[in-house]
């Protein structure tokens, strides 16, 4: 009996989180300003990491830097160590900006970002839908004989634990808190509505990955992002799409980074 009561309470809380607008003064214009701030932070963090790497290698390996410093730094940033280091810097700085954007006197940033706990059984149907999506995406990749591109080649079969850490843990956390957390919450009850919010956040999510993957893969990522948005809408929690994202990246990391399958 007590378990049934707890489950009912959980469902009621999730239902409330789904339909209630965030009790904040977040305007559409304010959210666009924070979108710009997050984008600038992202690029500045990557740029500052490149400068720091240049200073470090200029001191420790001056002969290489004098020969062709720009190419050397570019090669480092595309290496597993460089990708890991730069993403950690990006993660920390973007999370700080996101914390500021999501904090309001009348509610915590946890609530603004839809960090609501849900019962494990609510994850299962969405993980099942993810499995169907992944099977279809794999079939399309096989039929189309998609080349992973330079980014995939740079991490393929490297067996780098740092890449595993950022792909499976950091990337799903920060990307879901940004797109399915803050911006989904800010735009869901605006004139965009559910589908407008889902499409716009999916376009932004796809743009973040531009340059990493070929166009067909980007199209698959867009479809995946739509599925993540629907999971966020139906469960009222960012944790569900975050889990789906982490599982997707875990499978991709094992196949590409550890098994060398592109």
C-alpha atoms as a PDB file:
ATOM      1  CA  UNK A   1       0.000   0.000   0.000  1.00  0.00           C
ATOM      2  CA  UNK A   2       2.783   2.438   0.936  1.00  0.00           C
ATOM      3  CA  UNK A   3       4.567   1.716  -2.385  1.00  0.00           C
ATOM      4  CA  UNK A   4       1.387   2.530  -4.311  1.00  0.00           C
ATOM      5  CA  UNK A   5       1.027   5.814  -2.433  1.00  0.00           C
ATOM      6  CA  UNK A   6       4.640   6.747  -3.209  1.00  0.00           C
ATOM      7  CA  UNK A   7       4.198   5.921  -6.887  1.00  0.00           C
ATOM      8  CA  UNK A   8       1.007   7.967  -7.046  1.00  0.00           C
ATOM      9  CA  UNK A   9       2.760  10.893  -5.405  1.00  0.00           C
ATOM     10  CA  UNK A  10       5.615  10.608  -7.879  1.00  0.00           C
ATOM     11  CA  UNK A  11       3.251  10.577 -10.867  1.00  0.00           C
ATOM     12  CA  UNK A  12       1.379  13.581  -9.502  1.00  0.00           C
ATOM     13  CA  UNK A  13       4.596  15.516  -9.030  1.00  0.00           C
ATOM     14  CA  UNK A  14       5.733  14.725 -12.568  1.00  0.00           C
ATOM     15  CA  UNK A  15       2.358  15.675 -14.006  1.00  0.00           C
ATOM     16  CA  UNK A  16       2.540  18.982 -12.174  1.00  0.00           C
ATOM     17  CA  UNK A  17       6.052  19.593 -13.502  1.00  0.00           C
ATOM     18  CA  UNK A  18       4.815  18.901 -17.040  1.00  0.00           C
ATOM     19  CA  UNK A  19       2.020  21.408 -17.172  1.00  0.00           C
ATOM     20  CA  UNK A  20       3.037  24.163 -14.788  1.00  0.00           C
ATOM     21  CA  UNK A  21       5.042  27.015 -16.293  1.00  0.00           C
ATOM     22  CA  UNK A  22       8.209  27.981 -14.506  1.00  0.00           C
ATOM     23  CA  UNK A  23       7.452  30.580 -11.836  1.00  0.00           C
ATOM     24  CA  UNK A  24      10.141  32.947 -13.028  1.00  0.00           C
ATOM     25  CA  UNK A  25      10.322  36.221 -14.869  1.00  0.00           C
ATOM     26  CA  UNK A  26      12.223  34.617 -17.746  1.00  0.00           C
ATOM     27  CA  UNK A  27      11.227  36.432 -20.929  1.00  0.00           C
ATOM     28  CA  UNK A  28      11.870  35.229 -24.432  1.00  0.00           C
ATOM     29  CA  UNK A  29      14.307  38.114 -24.932  1.00  0.00           C
ATOM     30  CA  UNK A  30      16.124  37.306 -21.709  1.00  0.00           C
ATOM     31  CA  UNK A  31      16.550  33.688 -22.794  1.00  0.00           C
ATOM     32  CA  UNK A  32      17.993  34.834 -26.141  1.00  0.00           C
ATOM     33  CA  UNK A  33      20.495  37.000 -24.269  1.00  0.00           C
ATOM     34  CA  UNK A  34      21.560  33.963 -22.244  1.00  0.00           C
ATOM     35  CA  UNK A  35      21.766  31.903 -25.431  1.00  0.00           C
ATOM     36  CA  UNK A  36      24.249  34.442 -26.780  1.00  0.00           C
ATOM     37  CA  UNK A  37      26.126  34.435 -23.461  1.00  0.00           C
ATOM     38  CA  UNK A  38      26.428  30.639 -23.467  1.00  0.00           C
ATOM     39  CA  UNK A  39      27.577  30.601 -27.105  1.00  0.00           C
ATOM     40  CA  UNK A  40      30.223  33.276 -26.435  1.00  0.00           C
ATOM     41  CA  UNK A  41      31.348  31.406 -23.317  1.00  0.00           C
ATOM     42  CA  UNK A  42      31.668  28.184 -25.296  1.00  0.00           C
ATOM     43  CA  UNK A  43      33.903  29.709 -27.965  1.00  0.00           C
ATOM     44  CA  UNK A  44      35.910  31.816 -25.508  1.00  0.00           C
ATOM     45  CA  UNK A  45      36.598  28.759 -23.344  1.00  0.00           C
ATOM     46  CA  UNK A  46      37.834  26.813 -26.361  1.00  0.00           C
ATOM     47  CA  UNK A  47      39.967  29.779 -27.453  1.00  0.00           C
ATOM     48  CA  UNK A  48      41.467  30.267 -23.985  1.00  0.00           C
ATOM     49  CA  UNK A  49      42.319  26.575 -23.806  1.00  0.00           C
ATOM     50  CA  UNK A  50      44.123  26.861 -27.152  1.00  0.00           C
ATOM     51  CA  UNK A  51      46.090  29.861 -25.857  1.00  0.00           C
ATOM     52  CA  UNK A  52      46.973  28.021 -22.639  1.00  0.00           C
ATOM     53  CA  UNK A  53      48.093  24.997 -24.655  1.00  0.00           C
ATOM     54  CA  UNK A  54      50.201  27.266 -26.855  1.00  0.00           C
ATOM     55  CA  UNK A  55      51.891  28.813 -23.804  1.00  0.00           C
ATOM     56  CA  UNK A  56      52.489  25.393 -22.236  1.00  0.00           C
ATOM     57  CA  UNK A  57      54.030  23.864 -25.347  1.00  0.00           C
ATOM     58  CA  UNK A  58      55.912  27.069 -26.075  1.00  0.00           C
ATOM     59  CA  UNK A  59      57.699  26.584 -22.743  1.00  0.00           C
ATOM     60  CA  UNK A  60      58.054  22.788 -22.752  1.00  0.00           C
ATOM     61  CA  UNK A  61      58.623  22.168 -26.486  1.00  0.00           C
ATOM     62  CA  UNK A  62      59.815  25.494 -27.973  1.00  0.00           C
ATOM     63  CA  UNK A  63      61.486  23.870 -30.999  1.00  0.00           C
ATOM     64  CA  UNK A  64      58.175  22.393 -32.207  1.00  0.00           C
ATOM     65  CA  UNK A  65      56.287  25.622 -31.619  1.00  0.00           C
ATOM     66  CA  UNK A  66      58.873  27.659 -33.515  1.00  0.00           C
ATOM     67  CA  UNK A  67      58.750  25.273 -36.472  1.00  0.00           C
ATOM     68  CA  UNK A  68      54.966  25.301 -36.971  1.00  0.00           C
ATOM     69  CA  UNK A  69      53.144  26.390 -33.834  1.00  0.00           C
ATOM     70  CA  UNK A  70      49.647  26.822 -35.325  1.00  0.00           C
ATOM     71  CA  UNK A  71      49.554  23.336 -36.865  1.00  0.00           C
ATOM     72  CA  UNK A  72      50.994  21.823 -33.701  1.00  0.00           C
ATOM     73  CA  UNK A  73      48.274  23.399 -31.504  1.00  0.00           C
ATOM     74  CA  UNK A  74      45.556  22.380 -33.975  1.00  0.00           C
ATOM     75  CA  UNK A  75      46.815  18.804 -33.904  1.00  0.00           C
ATOM     76  CA  UNK A  76      46.850  18.873 -30.106  1.00  0.00           C
ATOM     77  CA  UNK A  77      43.274  20.181 -29.858  1.00  0.00           C
ATOM     78  CA  UNK A  78      42.083  17.406 -32.191  1.00  0.00           C
ATOM     79  CA  UNK A  79      43.941  14.770 -30.172  1.00  0.00           C
ATOM     80  CA  UNK A  80      42.226  12.804 -27.376  1.00  0.00           C
ATOM     81  CA  UNK A  81      44.127  14.765 -24.701  1.00  0.00           C
ATOM     82  CA  UNK A  82      43.253  18.088 -26.313  1.00  0.00           C
ATOM     83  CA  UNK A  83      39.593  17.191 -26.766  1.00  0.00           C
ATOM     84  CA  UNK A  84      39.380  16.089 -23.144  1.00  0.00           C
ATOM     85  CA  UNK A  85      41.121  19.159 -21.754  1.00  0.00           C
ATOM     86  CA  UNK A  86      39.197  21.678 -23.846  1.00  0.00           C
ATOM     87  CA  UNK A  87      35.837  20.070 -23.087  1.00  0.00           C
ATOM     88  CA  UNK A  88      36.504  20.114 -19.345  1.00  0.00           C
ATOM     89  CA  UNK A  89      37.213  23.853 -19.565  1.00  0.00           C
ATOM     90  CA  UNK A  90      34.082  24.363 -21.669  1.00  0.00           C
ATOM     91  CA  UNK A  91      31.994  22.300 -19.239  1.00  0.00           C
ATOM     92  CA  UNK A  92      33.080  24.301 -16.188  1.00  0.00           C
ATOM     93  CA  UNK A  93      32.613  27.733 -17.766  1.00  0.00           C
ATOM     94  CA  UNK A  94      29.266  26.950 -19.445  1.00  0.00           C
ATOM     95  CA  UNK A  95      27.912  25.429 -16.233  1.00  0.00           C
ATOM     96  CA  UNK A  96      28.811  28.610 -14.339  1.00  0.00           C
ATOM     97  CA  UNK A  97      26.935  30.747 -16.884  1.00  0.00           C
ATOM     98  CA  UNK A  98      24.009  28.322 -16.860  1.00  0.00           C
ATOM     99  CA  UNK A  99      23.842  28.442 -13.067  1.00  0.00           C
ATOM    100  CA  UNK A 100      23.611  32.236 -13.228  1.00  0.00           C
ATOM    101  CA  UNK A 101      20.944  32.121 -15.959  1.00  0.00           C
ATOM    102  CA  UNK A 102      18.790  29.583 -14.103  1.00  0.00           C
ATOM    103  CA  UNK A 103      18.985  31.121 -10.621  1.00  0.00           C
ATOM    104  CA  UNK A 104      16.028  33.201  -9.457  1.00  0.00           C
ATOM    105  CA  UNK A 105      15.085  34.583  -6.035  1.00  0.00           C
ATOM    106  CA  UNK A 106      11.764  32.728  -6.152  1.00  0.00           C
ATOM    107  CA  UNK A 107      13.077  29.310  -7.202  1.00  0.00           C
ATOM    108  CA  UNK A 108      16.248  27.247  -7.310  1.00  0.00           C
ATOM    109  CA  UNK A 109      18.244  26.555 -10.438  1.00  0.00           C
ATOM    110  CA  UNK A 110      17.391  22.867  -9.990  1.00  0.00           C
ATOM    111  CA  UNK A 111      13.729  23.648 -10.585  1.00  0.00           C
ATOM    112  CA  UNK A 112      14.410  26.039 -13.453  1.00  0.00           C
ATOM    113  CA  UNK A 113      16.399  23.311 -15.212  1.00  0.00           C
ATOM    114  CA  UNK A 114      13.671  20.683 -14.589  1.00  0.00           C
ATOM    115  CA  UNK A 115      15.941  18.526 -12.439  1.00  0.00           C
ATOM    116  CA  UNK A 116      13.009  16.561 -11.039  1.00  0.00           C
ATOM    117  CA  UNK A 117      13.429  12.995  -9.839  1.00  0.00           C
ATOM    118  CA  UNK A 118      11.201  10.454 -11.552  1.00  0.00           C
ATOM    119  CA  UNK A 119      10.557   6.764 -10.905  1.00  0.00           C
ATOM    120  CA  UNK A 120      12.822   4.329 -12.742  1.00  0.00           C
ATOM    121  CA  UNK A 121       9.872   2.807 -14.592  1.00  0.00           C
ATOM    122  CA  UNK A 122       9.316   6.134 -16.367  1.00  0.00           C
ATOM    123  CA  UNK A 123      12.752   5.804 -17.986  1.00  0.00           C
ATOM    124  CA  UNK A 124      12.009   2.418 -19.536  1.00  0.00           C
ATOM    125  CA  UNK A 125       9.658   3.350 -22.415  1.00  0.00           C
ATOM    126  CA  UNK A 126      11.975   6.160 -23.499  1.00  0.00           C
ATOM    127  CA  UNK A 127      15.034   3.933 -23.368  1.00  0.00           C
ATOM    128  CA  UNK A 128      13.025   1.495 -25.493  1.00  0.00           C
ATOM    129  CA  UNK A 129      12.257   4.221 -28.032  1.00  0.00           C
ATOM    130  CA  UNK A 130      15.931   5.157 -28.011  1.00  0.00           C
ATOM    131  CA  UNK A 131      16.824   1.527 -28.820  1.00  0.00           C
ATOM    132  CA  UNK A 132      14.477   1.649 -31.821  1.00  0.00           C
ATOM    133  CA  UNK A 133      15.992   4.958 -32.962  1.00  0.00           C
ATOM    134  CA  UNK A 134      19.539   3.599 -32.595  1.00  0.00           C
ATOM    135  CA  UNK A 135      18.699   0.452 -34.580  1.00  0.00           C
ATOM    136  CA  UNK A 136      17.195   2.520 -37.401  1.00  0.00           C
ATOM    137  CA  UNK A 137      20.116   4.990 -37.390  1.00  0.00           C
ATOM    138  CA  UNK A 138      22.599   2.104 -37.526  1.00  0.00           C
ATOM    139  CA  UNK A 139      20.707   0.560 -40.442  1.00  0.00           C
ATOM    140  CA  UNK A 140      20.762   3.857 -42.353  1.00  0.00           C
ATOM    141  CA  UNK A 141      24.488   4.253 -41.641  1.00  0.00           C
ATOM    142  CA  UNK A 142      25.156   0.743 -42.907  1.00  0.00           C
ATOM    143  CA  UNK A 143      23.104   1.141 -46.083  1.00  0.00           C
ATOM    144  CA  UNK A 144      24.491   4.608 -46.867  1.00  0.00           C
ATOM    145  CA  UNK A 145      28.053   3.543 -45.972  1.00  0.00           C
ATOM    146  CA  UNK A 146      28.611   6.762 -44.038  1.00  0.00           C
ATOM    147  CA  UNK A 147      32.184   7.881 -43.471  1.00  0.00           C
ATOM    148  CA  UNK A 148      32.569   9.133 -39.909  1.00  0.00           C
ATOM    149  CA  UNK A 149      34.829  11.987 -40.969  1.00  0.00           C
ATOM    150  CA  UNK A 150      37.993  13.488 -39.480  1.00  0.00           C
ATOM    151  CA  UNK A 151      36.608  13.884 -35.965  1.00  0.00           C
ATOM    152  CA  UNK A 152      35.639  10.227 -35.644  1.00  0.00           C
ATOM    153  CA  UNK A 153      38.963   9.191 -37.188  1.00  0.00           C
ATOM    154  CA  UNK A 154      40.837  11.268 -34.584  1.00  0.00           C
ATOM    155  CA  UNK A 155      39.268   9.379 -31.663  1.00  0.00           C
ATOM    156  CA  UNK A 156      38.845   5.963 -33.278  1.00  0.00           C
ATOM    157  CA  UNK A 157      40.474   3.077 -31.387  1.00  0.00           C
ATOM    158  CA  UNK A 158      42.367   5.455 -29.076  1.00  0.00           C
ATOM    159  CA  UNK A 159      41.007   3.703 -25.947  1.00  0.00           C
ATOM    160  CA  UNK A 160      41.285   7.020 -24.131  1.00  0.00           C
ATOM    161  CA  UNK A 161      39.582   7.133 -20.713  1.00  0.00           C
ATOM    162  CA  UNK A 162      39.364  10.927 -20.798  1.00  0.00           C
ATOM    163  CA  UNK A 163      37.223  10.732 -23.924  1.00  0.00           C
ATOM    164  CA  UNK A 164      35.011   8.173 -22.222  1.00  0.00           C
ATOM    165  CA  UNK A 165      34.575  10.538 -19.266  1.00  0.00           C
ATOM    166  CA  UNK A 166      33.612  13.595 -21.302  1.00  0.00           C
ATOM    167  CA  UNK A 167      31.429  11.699 -23.791  1.00  0.00           C
ATOM    168  CA  UNK A 168      29.454   9.617 -21.304  1.00  0.00           C
ATOM    169  CA  UNK A 169      29.283  11.984 -18.322  1.00  0.00           C
ATOM    170  CA  UNK A 170      30.097  15.623 -19.064  1.00  0.00           C
ATOM    171  CA  UNK A 171      28.550  16.044 -22.523  1.00  0.00           C
ATOM    172  CA  UNK A 172      25.108  14.593 -21.672  1.00  0.00           C
ATOM    173  CA  UNK A 173      24.935  16.659 -18.481  1.00  0.00           C
ATOM    174  CA  UNK A 174      25.825  20.078 -19.871  1.00  0.00           C
ATOM    175  CA  UNK A 175      24.067  19.666 -23.237  1.00  0.00           C
ATOM    176  CA  UNK A 176      20.818  18.429 -21.710  1.00  0.00           C
ATOM    177  CA  UNK A 177      20.811  21.087 -18.987  1.00  0.00           C
ATOM    178  CA  UNK A 178      21.278  23.754 -21.671  1.00  0.00           C
ATOM    179  CA  UNK A 179      18.836  22.514 -24.323  1.00  0.00           C
ATOM    180  CA  UNK A 180      16.257  20.352 -22.540  1.00  0.00           C
ATOM    181  CA  UNK A 181      16.733  22.166 -19.250  1.00  0.00           C
ATOM    182  CA  UNK A 182      17.011  25.943 -19.478  1.00  0.00           C
ATOM    183  CA  UNK A 183      15.867  26.690 -23.034  1.00  0.00           C
ATOM    184  CA  UNK A 184      13.100  24.102 -23.113  1.00  0.00           C
ATOM    185  CA  UNK A 185      11.765  25.541 -19.859  1.00  0.00           C
ATOM    186  CA  UNK A 186      12.119  29.121 -21.097  1.00  0.00           C
ATOM    187  CA  UNK A 187      10.442  28.580 -24.480  1.00  0.00           C
ATOM    188  CA  UNK A 188       7.894  25.816 -23.839  1.00  0.00           C
ATOM    189  CA  UNK A 189       5.197  28.231 -22.597  1.00  0.00           C
ATOM    190  CA  UNK A 190       6.076  30.984 -25.078  1.00  0.00           C
ATOM    191  CA  UNK A 191       4.586  31.452 -28.548  1.00  0.00           C
ATOM    192  CA  UNK A 192       6.838  28.629 -29.764  1.00  0.00           C
ATOM    193  CA  UNK A 193       4.826  25.990 -27.922  1.00  0.00           C
ATOM    194  CA  UNK A 194       5.883  22.356 -27.683  1.00  0.00           C
ATOM    195  CA  UNK A 195       6.805  21.672 -31.291  1.00  0.00           C
ATOM    196  CA  UNK A 196       8.417  25.044 -31.895  1.00  0.00           C
ATOM    197  CA  UNK A 197      10.537  24.633 -28.771  1.00  0.00           C
ATOM    198  CA  UNK A 198      11.442  21.056 -29.659  1.00  0.00           C
ATOM    199  CA  UNK A 199      12.465  21.996 -33.208  1.00  0.00           C
ATOM    200  CA  UNK A 200      14.439  25.111 -32.242  1.00  0.00           C
ATOM    201  CA  UNK A 201      16.340  23.360 -29.440  1.00  0.00           C
ATOM    202  CA  UNK A 202      17.010  20.432 -31.797  1.00  0.00           C
ATOM    203  CA  UNK A 203      18.391  22.767 -34.463  1.00  0.00           C
ATOM    204  CA  UNK A 204      20.678  24.380 -31.879  1.00  0.00           C
ATOM    205  CA  UNK A 205      21.728  20.970 -30.574  1.00  0.00           C
ATOM    206  CA  UNK A 206      22.598  19.896 -34.116  1.00  0.00           C
ATOM    207  CA  UNK A 207      24.534  23.107 -34.819  1.00  0.00           C
ATOM    208  CA  UNK A 208      26.735  22.447 -31.785  1.00  0.00           C
ATOM    209  CA  UNK A 209      27.917  19.269 -33.520  1.00  0.00           C
ATOM    210  CA  UNK A 210      28.539  20.890 -36.918  1.00  0.00           C
ATOM    211  CA  UNK A 211      32.026  20.117 -38.175  1.00  0.00           C
ATOM    212  CA  UNK A 212      32.224  16.878 -36.217  1.00  0.00           C
ATOM    213  CA  UNK A 213      30.002  14.694 -38.388  1.00  0.00           C
ATOM    214  CA  UNK A 214      28.766  14.482 -42.022  1.00  0.00           C
ATOM    215  CA  UNK A 215      25.371  15.895 -42.913  1.00  0.00           C
ATOM    216  CA  UNK A 216      23.481  12.597 -42.788  1.00  0.00           C
ATOM    217  CA  UNK A 217      24.721  11.956 -39.255  1.00  0.00           C
ATOM    218  CA  UNK A 218      23.712  15.502 -38.301  1.00  0.00           C
ATOM    219  CA  UNK A 219      20.237  14.724 -39.598  1.00  0.00           C
ATOM    220  CA  UNK A 220      20.146  11.671 -37.333  1.00  0.00           C
ATOM    221  CA  UNK A 221      21.261  13.826 -34.406  1.00  0.00           C
ATOM    222  CA  UNK A 222      18.402  16.210 -35.118  1.00  0.00           C
ATOM    223  CA  UNK A 223      15.917  13.316 -34.974  1.00  0.00           C
ATOM    224  CA  UNK A 224      17.541  12.093 -31.760  1.00  0.00           C
ATOM    225  CA  UNK A 225      17.210  15.569 -30.273  1.00  0.00           C
ATOM    226  CA  UNK A 226      13.493  15.658 -31.126  1.00  0.00           C
ATOM    227  CA  UNK A 227      13.106  12.366 -29.251  1.00  0.00           C
ATOM    228  CA  UNK A 228      14.977  13.861 -26.281  1.00  0.00           C
ATOM    229  CA  UNK A 229      12.664  16.876 -26.305  1.00  0.00           C
ATOM    230  CA  UNK A 230       9.572  14.677 -26.272  1.00  0.00           C
ATOM    231  CA  UNK A 231      11.012  12.686 -23.364  1.00  0.00           C
ATOM    232  CA  UNK A 232      11.550  15.941 -21.486  1.00  0.00           C
ATOM    233  CA  UNK A 233       7.983  17.031 -22.215  1.00  0.00           C
ATOM    234  CA  UNK A 234       6.250  13.790 -21.279  1.00  0.00           C
ATOM    235  CA  UNK A 235       8.222  13.059 -18.098  1.00  0.00           C
ATOM    236  CA  UNK A 236       8.671  16.643 -16.902  1.00  0.00           C
ATOM    237  CA  UNK A 237      12.285  15.903 -16.033  1.00  0.00           C
ATOM    238  CA  UNK A 238      15.615  16.608 -17.701  1.00  0.00           C
ATOM    239  CA  UNK A 239      17.050  13.445 -16.143  1.00  0.00           C
ATOM    240  CA  UNK A 240      15.273  11.172 -18.647  1.00  0.00           C
ATOM    241  CA  UNK A 241      16.750  12.750 -21.828  1.00  0.00           C
ATOM    242  CA  UNK A 242      20.053  13.019 -19.965  1.00  0.00           C
ATOM    243  CA  UNK A 243      20.022   9.248 -19.377  1.00  0.00           C
ATOM    244  CA  UNK A 244      19.109   8.591 -23.033  1.00  0.00           C
ATOM    245  CA  UNK A 245      21.931  10.879 -24.162  1.00  0.00           C
ATOM    246  CA  UNK A 246      24.409   9.152 -21.852  1.00  0.00           C
ATOM    247  CA  UNK A 247      23.424   5.691 -23.134  1.00  0.00           C
ATOM    248  CA  UNK A 248      23.776   6.883 -26.739  1.00  0.00           C
ATOM    249  CA  UNK A 249      27.241   8.286 -26.059  1.00  0.00           C
ATOM    250  CA  UNK A 250      28.258   5.197 -24.085  1.00  0.00           C
ATOM    251  CA  UNK A 251      27.443   2.910 -27.005  1.00  0.00           C
ATOM    252  CA  UNK A 252      29.162   5.252 -29.481  1.00  0.00           C
ATOM    253  CA  UNK A 253      32.225   5.561 -27.243  1.00  0.00           C
ATOM    254  CA  UNK A 254      32.614   1.808 -26.818  1.00  0.00           C
ATOM    255  CA  UNK A 255      32.234   1.188 -30.553  1.00  0.00           C
ATOM    256  CA  UNK A 256      34.442   4.029 -31.785  1.00  0.00           C
ATOM    257  CA  UNK A 257      36.953   4.788 -29.041  1.00  0.00           C
ATOM    258  CA  UNK A 258      37.547   1.279 -27.688  1.00  0.00           C
ATOM    259  CA  UNK A 259      36.625  -1.097 -30.535  1.00  0.00           C
ATOM    260  CA  UNK A 260      37.621   1.119 -33.463  1.00  0.00           C
ATOM    261  CA  UNK A 261      34.285   0.757 -35.269  1.00  0.00           C
ATOM    262  CA  UNK A 262      33.247   3.988 -36.988  1.00  0.00           C
END
